[in-house]
PDB file of N, CA and C in Angstrom:
ATOM      1  N   MET A   1       0.823  -1.177   0.000  1.00  0.00           N
ATOM      2  CA  MET A   1       0.000   0.000   0.000  1.00  0.00           C
ATOM      3  C   MET A   1       0.880   1.258   0.000  1.00  0.00           C
ATOM      4  N   SER A   2       1.918   1.274   0.828  1.00  0.00           N
ATOM      5  CA  SER A   2       2.742   2.479   0.905  1.00  0.00           C
ATOM      6  C   SER A   2       3.485   2.730  -0.401  1.00  0.00           C
ATOM      7  N   VAL A   3       3.915   1.665  -1.087  1.00  0.00           N
ATOM      8  CA  VAL A   3       4.616   1.846  -2.361  1.00  0.00           C
ATOM      9  C   VAL A   3       3.635   2.238  -3.457  1.00  0.00           C
ATOM     10  N   ASN A   4       2.532   1.487  -3.573  1.00  0.00           N
ATOM     11  CA  ASN A   4       1.577   1.747  -4.651  1.00  0.00           C
ATOM     12  C   ASN A   4       0.877   3.093  -4.489  1.00  0.00           C
ATOM     13  N   PHE A   5       0.382   3.391  -3.306  1.00  0.00           N
ATOM     14  CA  PHE A   5      -0.310   4.658  -3.089  1.00  0.00           C
ATOM     15  C   PHE A   5       0.681   5.796  -2.884  1.00  0.00           C
ATOM     16  N   GLY A   6       1.657   5.562  -2.016  1.00  0.00           N
ATOM     17  CA  GLY A   6       2.631   6.613  -1.702  1.00  0.00           C
ATOM     18  C   GLY A   6       3.435   7.050  -2.909  1.00  0.00           C
ATOM     19  N   GLY A   7       3.828   6.092  -3.748  1.00  0.00           N
ATOM     20  CA  GLY A   7       4.597   6.430  -4.943  1.00  0.00           C
ATOM     21  C   GLY A   7       3.835   7.350  -5.876  1.00  0.00           C
ATOM     22  N   VAL A   8       2.557   7.036  -6.081  1.00  0.00           N
ATOM     23  CA  VAL A   8       1.709   7.877  -6.944  1.00  0.00           C
ATOM     24  C   VAL A   8       1.481   9.235  -6.297  1.00  0.00           C
ATOM     25  N   PHE A   9       1.163   9.234  -5.002  1.00  0.00           N
ATOM     26  CA  PHE A   9       0.878  10.485  -4.302  1.00  0.00           C
ATOM     27  C   PHE A   9       2.086  11.417  -4.287  1.00  0.00           C
ATOM     28  N   PHE A  10       3.223  10.902  -3.831  1.00  0.00           N
ATOM     29  CA  PHE A  10       4.402  11.760  -3.723  1.00  0.00           C
ATOM     30  C   PHE A  10       4.966  12.136  -5.087  1.00  0.00           C
ATOM     31  N   GLY A  11       4.918  11.216  -6.042  1.00  0.00           N
ATOM     32  CA  GLY A  11       5.361  11.545  -7.398  1.00  0.00           C
ATOM     33  C   GLY A  11       4.517  12.650  -8.017  1.00  0.00           C
ATOM     34  N   SER A  12       3.205  12.544  -7.841  1.00  0.00           N
ATOM     35  CA  SER A  12       2.294  13.571  -8.372  1.00  0.00           C
ATOM     36  C   SER A  12       2.494  14.904  -7.665  1.00  0.00           C
ATOM     37  N   ARG A  13       2.690  14.838  -6.359  1.00  0.00           N
ATOM     38  CA  ARG A  13       2.895  16.066  -5.585  1.00  0.00           C
ATOM     39  C   ARG A  13       4.133  16.816  -6.069  1.00  0.00           C
ATOM     40  N   HIS A  14       5.219  16.094  -6.285  1.00  0.00           N
ATOM     41  CA  HIS A  14       6.447  16.749  -6.752  1.00  0.00           C
ATOM     42  C   HIS A  14       6.301  17.248  -8.195  1.00  0.00           C
ATOM     43  N   ALA A  15       5.537  16.547  -8.994  1.00  0.00           N
ATOM     44  CA  ALA A  15       5.289  17.017 -10.363  1.00  0.00           C
ATOM     45  C   ALA A  15       4.533  18.338 -10.339  1.00  0.00           C
ATOM     46  N   VAL A  16       3.523  18.445  -9.487  1.00  0.00           N
ATOM     47  CA  VAL A  16       2.740  19.682  -9.393  1.00  0.00           C
ATOM     48  C   VAL A  16       3.623  20.836  -8.923  1.00  0.00           C
ATOM     49  N   ILE A  17       4.513  20.577  -7.994  1.00  0.00           N
ATOM     50  CA  ILE A  17       5.446  21.617  -7.539  1.00  0.00           C
ATOM     51  C   ILE A  17       6.290  22.108  -8.715  1.00  0.00           C
ATOM     52  N   GLN A  18       6.785  21.191  -9.526  1.00  0.00           N
ATOM     53  CA  GLN A  18       7.578  21.567 -10.702  1.00  0.00           C
ATOM     54  C   GLN A  18       6.735  22.323 -11.722  1.00  0.00           C
ATOM     55  N   PHE A  19       5.506  21.875 -11.934  1.00  0.00           N
ATOM     56  CA  PHE A  19       4.618  22.563 -12.880  1.00  0.00           C
ATOM     57  C   PHE A  19       4.411  24.012 -12.457  1.00  0.00           C
ATOM     58  N   LYS A  20       4.220  24.232 -11.167  1.00  0.00           N
ATOM     59  CA  LYS A  20       4.038  25.599 -10.659  1.00  0.00           C
ATOM     60  C   LYS A  20       5.309  26.421 -10.850  1.00  0.00           C
ATOM     61  N   ARG A  21       6.475  25.794 -10.626  1.00  0.00           N
ATOM     62  CA  ARG A  21       7.754  26.481 -10.808  1.00  0.00           C
ATOM     63  C   ARG A  21       7.946  26.944 -12.249  1.00  0.00           C
ATOM     64  N   GLN A  22       7.646  26.056 -13.189  1.00  0.00           N
ATOM     65  CA  GLN A  22       7.871  26.388 -14.593  1.00  0.00           C
ATOM     66  C   GLN A  22       6.771  27.264 -15.158  1.00  0.00           C
ATOM     67  N   GLY A  23       5.615  27.317 -14.491  1.00  0.00           N
ATOM     68  CA  GLY A  23       4.555  28.230 -14.884  1.00  0.00           C
ATOM     69  C   GLY A  23       3.728  27.816 -16.088  1.00  0.00           C
ATOM     70  N   SER A  24       4.033  26.707 -16.710  1.00  0.00           N
ATOM     71  CA  SER A  24       3.293  26.328 -17.918  1.00  0.00           C
ATOM     72  C   SER A  24       2.471  25.054 -17.743  1.00  0.00           C
ATOM     73  N   GLY A  25       2.339  24.576 -16.523  1.00  0.00           N
ATOM     74  CA  GLY A  25       1.551  23.370 -16.288  1.00  0.00           C
ATOM     75  C   GLY A  25       2.257  22.120 -16.750  1.00  0.00           C
ATOM     76  N   GLY A  26       1.480  21.074 -16.936  1.00  0.00           N
ATOM     77  CA  GLY A  26       2.040  19.805 -17.366  1.00  0.00           C
ATOM     78  C   GLY A  26       0.999  18.708 -17.288  1.00  0.00           C
ATOM     79  N   VAL A  27       1.448  17.486 -17.435  1.00  0.00           N
ATOM     80  CA  VAL A  27       0.550  16.333 -17.447  1.00  0.00           C
ATOM     81  C   VAL A  27       1.076  15.277 -16.484  1.00  0.00           C
ATOM     82  N   ILE A  28       0.167  14.707 -15.719  1.00  0.00           N
ATOM     83  CA  ILE A  28       0.487  13.559 -14.877  1.00  0.00           C
ATOM     84  C   ILE A  28      -0.342  12.397 -15.399  1.00  0.00           C
ATOM     85  N   CYS A  29       0.319  11.317 -15.749  1.00  0.00           N
ATOM     86  CA  CYS A  29      -0.364  10.125 -16.258  1.00  0.00           C
ATOM     87  C   CYS A  29       0.049   8.936 -15.393  1.00  0.00           C
ATOM     88  N   ASN A  30      -0.837   8.543 -14.475  1.00  0.00           N
ATOM     89  CA  ASN A  30      -0.574   7.389 -13.618  1.00  0.00           C
ATOM     90  C   ASN A  30      -1.184   6.148 -14.260  1.00  0.00           C
ATOM     91  N   THR A  31      -0.524   5.020 -14.110  1.00  0.00           N
ATOM     92  CA  THR A  31      -1.020   3.776 -14.686  1.00  0.00           C
ATOM     93  C   THR A  31      -1.211   2.730 -13.592  1.00  0.00           C
ATOM     94  N   GLY A  32      -2.030   1.746 -13.900  1.00  0.00           N
ATOM     95  CA  GLY A  32      -2.270   0.657 -12.967  1.00  0.00           C
ATOM     96  C   GLY A  32      -2.766  -0.555 -13.723  1.00  0.00           C
ATOM     97  N   SER A  33      -3.110  -1.572 -12.996  1.00  0.00           N
ATOM     98  CA  SER A  33      -3.556  -2.827 -13.578  1.00  0.00           C
ATOM     99  C   SER A  33      -5.075  -2.871 -13.681  1.00  0.00           C
ATOM    100  N   VAL A  34      -5.576  -3.553 -14.697  1.00  0.00           N
ATOM    101  CA  VAL A  34      -7.016  -3.762 -14.820  1.00  0.00           C
ATOM    102  C   VAL A  34      -7.531  -4.573 -13.631  1.00  0.00           C
ATOM    103  N   ALA A  35      -6.653  -5.299 -12.972  1.00  0.00           N
ATOM    104  CA  ALA A  35      -7.038  -6.064 -11.792  1.00  0.00           C
ATOM    105  C   ALA A  35      -7.521  -5.152 -10.666  1.00  0.00           C
ATOM    106  N   GLY A  36      -7.198  -3.868 -10.739  1.00  0.00           N
ATOM    107  CA  GLY A  36      -7.719  -2.908  -9.773  1.00  0.00           C
ATOM    108  C   GLY A  36      -9.171  -2.544 -10.026  1.00  0.00           C
ATOM    109  N   LEU A  37      -9.694  -2.893 -11.188  1.00  0.00           N
ATOM    110  CA  LEU A  37     -11.077  -2.587 -11.538  1.00  0.00           C
ATOM    111  C   LEU A  37     -12.007  -3.776 -11.334  1.00  0.00           C
ATOM    112  N   VAL A  38     -11.519  -4.959 -11.617  1.00  0.00           N
ATOM    113  CA  VAL A  38     -12.324  -6.182 -11.506  1.00  0.00           C
ATOM    114  C   VAL A  38     -11.443  -7.303 -10.967  1.00  0.00           C
ATOM    115  N   GLY A  39     -12.076  -8.303 -10.420  1.00  0.00           N
ATOM    116  CA  GLY A  39     -11.330  -9.489 -10.013  1.00  0.00           C
ATOM    117  C   GLY A  39     -10.786 -10.185 -11.254  1.00  0.00           C
ATOM    118  N   TRP A  40      -9.575 -10.649 -11.186  1.00  0.00           N
ATOM    119  CA  TRP A  40      -8.928 -11.257 -12.357  1.00  0.00           C
ATOM    120  C   TRP A  40      -9.291 -12.730 -12.403  1.00  0.00           C
ATOM    121  N   GLY A  41     -10.097 -13.130 -13.414  1.00  0.00           N
ATOM    122  CA  GLY A  41     -10.551 -14.505 -13.499  1.00  0.00           C
ATOM    123  C   GLY A  41      -9.870 -15.306 -14.588  1.00  0.00           C
ATOM    124  N   GLY A  42      -9.312 -14.694 -15.629  1.00  0.00           N
ATOM    125  CA  GLY A  42      -8.674 -15.412 -16.720  1.00  0.00           C
ATOM    126  C   GLY A  42      -8.006 -14.395 -17.663  1.00  0.00           C
ATOM    127  N   ALA A  43      -7.335 -14.759 -18.565  1.00  0.00           N
ATOM    128  CA  ALA A  43      -6.644 -13.874 -19.517  1.00  0.00           C
ATOM    129  C   ALA A  43      -7.441 -13.652 -20.794  1.00  0.00           C
ATOM    130  N   LEU A  44      -8.745 -14.153 -20.870  1.00  0.00           N
ATOM    131  CA  LEU A  44      -9.604 -14.057 -22.057  1.00  0.00           C
ATOM    132  C   LEU A  44     -10.156 -12.645 -22.192  1.00  0.00           C
ATOM    133  N   HIS A  45      -9.867 -11.992 -23.306  1.00  0.00           N
ATOM    134  CA  HIS A  45     -10.369 -10.658 -23.606  1.00  0.00           C
ATOM    135  C   HIS A  45     -11.400 -10.766 -24.716  1.00  0.00           C
ATOM    136  N   PRO A  46     -12.519 -10.032 -24.612  1.00  0.00           N
ATOM    137  CA  PRO A  46     -13.553 -10.103 -25.640  1.00  0.00           C
ATOM    138  C   PRO A  46     -13.057  -9.800 -27.051  1.00  0.00           C
ATOM    139  N   LEU A  47     -12.031  -8.970 -27.194  1.00  0.00           N
ATOM    140  CA  LEU A  47     -11.519  -8.673 -28.534  1.00  0.00           C
ATOM    141  C   LEU A  47     -10.633  -9.786 -29.065  1.00  0.00           C
ATOM    142  N   GLY A  48     -10.288 -10.739 -28.216  1.00  0.00           N
ATOM    143  CA  GLY A  48      -9.584 -11.933 -28.658  1.00  0.00           C
ATOM    144  C   GLY A  48      -8.092 -11.799 -28.891  1.00  0.00           C
ATOM    145  N   ARG A  49      -7.463 -10.769 -28.348  1.00  0.00           N
ATOM    146  CA  ARG A  49      -6.021 -10.655 -28.492  1.00  0.00           C
ATOM    147  C   ARG A  49      -5.432 -10.097 -27.205  1.00  0.00           C
ATOM    148  N   TYR A  50      -4.170 -10.388 -26.996  1.00  0.00           N
ATOM    149  CA  TYR A  50      -3.491  -9.909 -25.800  1.00  0.00           C
ATOM    150  C   TYR A  50      -3.246  -8.411 -25.889  1.00  0.00           C
ATOM    151  N   ILE A  51      -3.207  -7.782 -24.728  1.00  0.00           N
ATOM    152  CA  ILE A  51      -2.892  -6.363 -24.643  1.00  0.00           C
ATOM    153  C   ILE A  51      -1.369  -6.240 -24.595  1.00  0.00           C
ATOM    154  N   THR A  52      -0.827  -5.370 -25.426  1.00  0.00           N
ATOM    155  CA  THR A  52       0.626  -5.199 -25.482  1.00  0.00           C
ATOM    156  C   THR A  52       1.048  -3.920 -24.763  1.00  0.00           C
ATOM    157  N   ALA A  53       2.329  -3.832 -24.488  1.00  0.00           N
ATOM    158  CA  ALA A  53       2.873  -2.602 -23.905  1.00  0.00           C
ATOM    159  C   ALA A  53       2.646  -1.429 -24.850  1.00  0.00           C
ATOM    160  N   GLU A  54       2.701  -1.693 -26.150  1.00  0.00           N
ATOM    161  CA  GLU A  54       2.469  -0.628 -27.135  1.00  0.00           C
ATOM    162  C   GLU A  54       1.039  -0.106 -27.048  1.00  0.00           C
ATOM    163  N   ASP A  55       0.063  -1.002 -26.813  1.00  0.00           N
ATOM    164  CA  ASP A  55      -1.332  -0.570 -26.653  1.00  0.00           C
ATOM    165  C   ASP A  55      -1.446   0.417 -25.498  1.00  0.00           C
ATOM    166  N   CYS A  56      -0.830   0.100 -24.386  1.00  0.00           N
ATOM    167  CA  CYS A  56      -0.872   0.971 -23.211  1.00  0.00           C
ATOM    168  C   CYS A  56      -0.123   2.273 -23.461  1.00  0.00           C
ATOM    169  N   ALA A  57       1.015   2.190 -24.136  1.00  0.00           N
ATOM    170  CA  ALA A  57       1.809   3.389 -24.432  1.00  0.00           C
ATOM    171  C   ALA A  57       1.049   4.348 -25.340  1.00  0.00           C
ATOM    172  N   GLU A  58       0.305   3.807 -26.311  1.00  0.00           N
ATOM    173  CA  GLU A  58      -0.460   4.670 -27.216  1.00  0.00           C
ATOM    174  C   GLU A  58      -1.565   5.406 -26.471  1.00  0.00           C
ATOM    175  N   ALA A  59      -2.201   4.744 -25.506  1.00  0.00           N
ATOM    176  CA  ALA A  59      -3.219   5.410 -24.694  1.00  0.00           C
ATOM    177  C   ALA A  59      -2.594   6.519 -23.851  1.00  0.00           C
ATOM    178  N   ALA A  60      -1.438   6.232 -23.252  1.00  0.00           N
ATOM    179  CA  ALA A  60      -0.745   7.244 -22.451  1.00  0.00           C
ATOM    180  C   ALA A  60      -0.297   8.412 -23.316  1.00  0.00           C
ATOM    181  N   LEU A  61       0.182   8.123 -24.515  1.00  0.00           N
ATOM    182  CA  LEU A  61       0.601   9.174 -25.438  1.00  0.00           C
ATOM    183  C   LEU A  61      -0.562  10.098 -25.769  1.00  0.00           C
ATOM    184  N   TYR A  62      -1.730   9.506 -26.024  1.00  0.00           N
ATOM    185  CA  TYR A  62      -2.918  10.323 -26.283  1.00  0.00           C
ATOM    186  C   TYR A  62      -3.231  11.214 -25.083  1.00  0.00           C
ATOM    187  N   LEU A  63      -3.264  10.620 -23.882  1.00  0.00           N
ATOM    188  CA  LEU A  63      -3.629  11.387 -22.694  1.00  0.00           C
ATOM    189  C   LEU A  63      -2.640  12.509 -22.396  1.00  0.00           C
ATOM    190  N   CYS A  64      -1.381  12.337 -22.789  1.00  0.00           N
ATOM    191  CA  CYS A  64      -0.358  13.358 -22.548  1.00  0.00           C
ATOM    192  C   CYS A  64      -0.233  14.361 -23.687  1.00  0.00           C
ATOM    193  N   SER A  65      -0.992  14.152 -24.750  1.00  0.00           N
ATOM    194  CA  SER A  65      -0.889  15.036 -25.915  1.00  0.00           C
ATOM    195  C   SER A  65      -1.893  16.186 -25.834  1.00  0.00           C
ATOM    196  N   ASP A  66      -1.736  17.137 -26.730  1.00  0.00           N
ATOM    197  CA  ASP A  66      -2.675  18.250 -26.807  1.00  0.00           C
ATOM    198  C   ASP A  66      -4.065  17.814 -27.251  1.00  0.00           C
ATOM    199  N   LEU A  67      -4.179  16.626 -27.863  1.00  0.00           N
ATOM    200  CA  LEU A  67      -5.494  16.129 -28.269  1.00  0.00           C
ATOM    201  C   LEU A  67      -6.397  15.891 -27.060  1.00  0.00           C
ATOM    202  N   ALA A  68      -5.802  15.660 -25.903  1.00  0.00           N
ATOM    203  CA  ALA A  68      -6.565  15.396 -24.681  1.00  0.00           C
ATOM    204  C   ALA A  68      -6.494  16.570 -23.712  1.00  0.00           C
ATOM    205  N   LYS A  69      -6.299  17.785 -24.225  1.00  0.00           N
ATOM    206  CA  LYS A  69      -6.087  18.946 -23.348  1.00  0.00           C
ATOM    207  C   LYS A  69      -7.266  19.240 -22.427  1.00  0.00           C
ATOM    208  N   ASN A  70      -8.463  18.796 -22.781  1.00  0.00           N
ATOM    209  CA  ASN A  70      -9.630  18.999 -21.931  1.00  0.00           C
ATOM    210  C   ASN A  70     -10.096  17.726 -21.242  1.00  0.00           C
ATOM    211  N   VAL A  71      -9.265  16.684 -21.252  1.00  0.00           N
ATOM    212  CA  VAL A  71      -9.574  15.431 -20.583  1.00  0.00           C
ATOM    213  C   VAL A  71      -8.902  15.457 -19.216  1.00  0.00           C
ATOM    214  N   THR A  72      -9.704  15.317 -18.159  1.00  0.00           N
ATOM    215  CA  THR A  72      -9.146  15.313 -16.806  1.00  0.00           C
ATOM    216  C   THR A  72      -9.773  14.189 -15.997  1.00  0.00           C
ATOM    217  N   GLY A  73      -8.997  13.589 -15.137  1.00  0.00           N
ATOM    218  CA  GLY A  73      -9.497  12.598 -14.205  1.00  0.00           C
ATOM    219  C   GLY A  73     -10.184  11.407 -14.850  1.00  0.00           C
ATOM    220  N   VAL A  74      -9.683  10.972 -15.984  1.00  0.00           N
ATOM    221  CA  VAL A  74     -10.341   9.888 -16.713  1.00  0.00           C
ATOM    222  C   VAL A  74      -9.750   8.535 -16.341  1.00  0.00           C
ATOM    223  N   LEU A  75     -10.615   7.541 -16.308  1.00  0.00           N
ATOM    224  CA  LEU A  75     -10.193   6.157 -16.140  1.00  0.00           C
ATOM    225  C   LEU A  75     -10.317   5.514 -17.513  1.00  0.00           C
ATOM    226  N   LEU A  76      -9.194   5.146 -18.109  1.00  0.00           N
ATOM    227  CA  LEU A  76      -9.178   4.627 -19.482  1.00  0.00           C
ATOM    228  C   LEU A  76      -8.629   3.206 -19.496  1.00  0.00           C
ATOM    229  N   PRO A  77      -9.496   2.198 -19.337  1.00  0.00           N
ATOM    230  CA  PRO A  77      -9.013   0.825 -19.390  1.00  0.00           C
ATOM    231  C   PRO A  77      -8.554   0.440 -20.793  1.00  0.00           C
ATOM    232  N   VAL A  78      -7.329  -0.011 -20.916  1.00  0.00           N
ATOM    233  CA  VAL A  78      -6.816  -0.545 -22.176  1.00  0.00           C
ATOM    234  C   VAL A  78      -6.772  -2.056 -21.957  1.00  0.00           C
ATOM    235  N   ASP A  79      -7.932  -2.688 -22.140  1.00  0.00           N
ATOM    236  CA  ASP A  79      -8.094  -4.069 -21.693  1.00  0.00           C
ATOM    237  C   ASP A  79      -8.815  -4.980 -22.678  1.00  0.00           C
ATOM    238  N   GLY A  80      -8.988  -4.527 -23.908  1.00  0.00           N
ATOM    239  CA  GLY A  80      -9.633  -5.373 -24.912  1.00  0.00           C
ATOM    240  C   GLY A  80     -11.085  -5.683 -24.597  1.00  0.00           C
ATOM    241  N   GLY A  81     -11.725  -4.865 -23.774  1.00  0.00           N
ATOM    242  CA  GLY A  81     -13.124  -5.063 -23.426  1.00  0.00           C
ATOM    243  C   GLY A  81     -13.344  -5.922 -22.196  1.00  0.00           C
ATOM    244  N   TYR A  82     -12.282  -6.272 -21.487  1.00  0.00           N
ATOM    245  CA  TYR A  82     -12.388  -7.167 -20.333  1.00  0.00           C
ATOM    246  C   TYR A  82     -13.316  -6.616 -19.260  1.00  0.00           C
ATOM    247  N   VAL A  83     -13.169  -5.335 -18.914  1.00  0.00           N
ATOM    248  CA  VAL A  83     -13.983  -4.728 -17.858  1.00  0.00           C
ATOM    249  C   VAL A  83     -15.440  -4.589 -18.306  1.00  0.00           C
ATOM    250  N   ALA A  84     -15.653  -4.347 -19.585  1.00  0.00           N
ATOM    251  CA  ALA A  84     -17.005  -4.099 -20.099  1.00  0.00           C
ATOM    252  C   ALA A  84     -17.828  -5.376 -20.273  1.00  0.00           C
ATOM    253  N   ARG A  85     -17.187  -6.528 -20.283  1.00  0.00           N
ATOM    254  CA  ARG A  85     -17.958  -7.743 -20.572  1.00  0.00           C
ATOM    255  C   ARG A  85     -18.894  -8.146 -19.494  1.00  0.00           C
TER     256      ARG A  85
END
C-alpha cells in the first residue's frame, strides 16, 4: 500500500510543484492494472487478443498530448473489453 499509493501520491505532488515552478503546467499520467477494476478470473479478452505494452503506451501518449487537453481525471481501461464484458 505504501509503495503503490505513496509512490503515486508523492510523485504527483512533486510534479505539481515543478509545474508551478515552470509556470506552464504539465501532465500527470498514472497507470495501474485492470485487476484494480475487476477481479482477475482469466486472460480471455472479448476482442480476442493480448494487450501489449504498445497498446498501453499509445493510450498514455494520447492522454499526454494536446489532443486530450480537456480530458481530466479519466479512467481509461486498455483491456480489450475485459472490464465491459
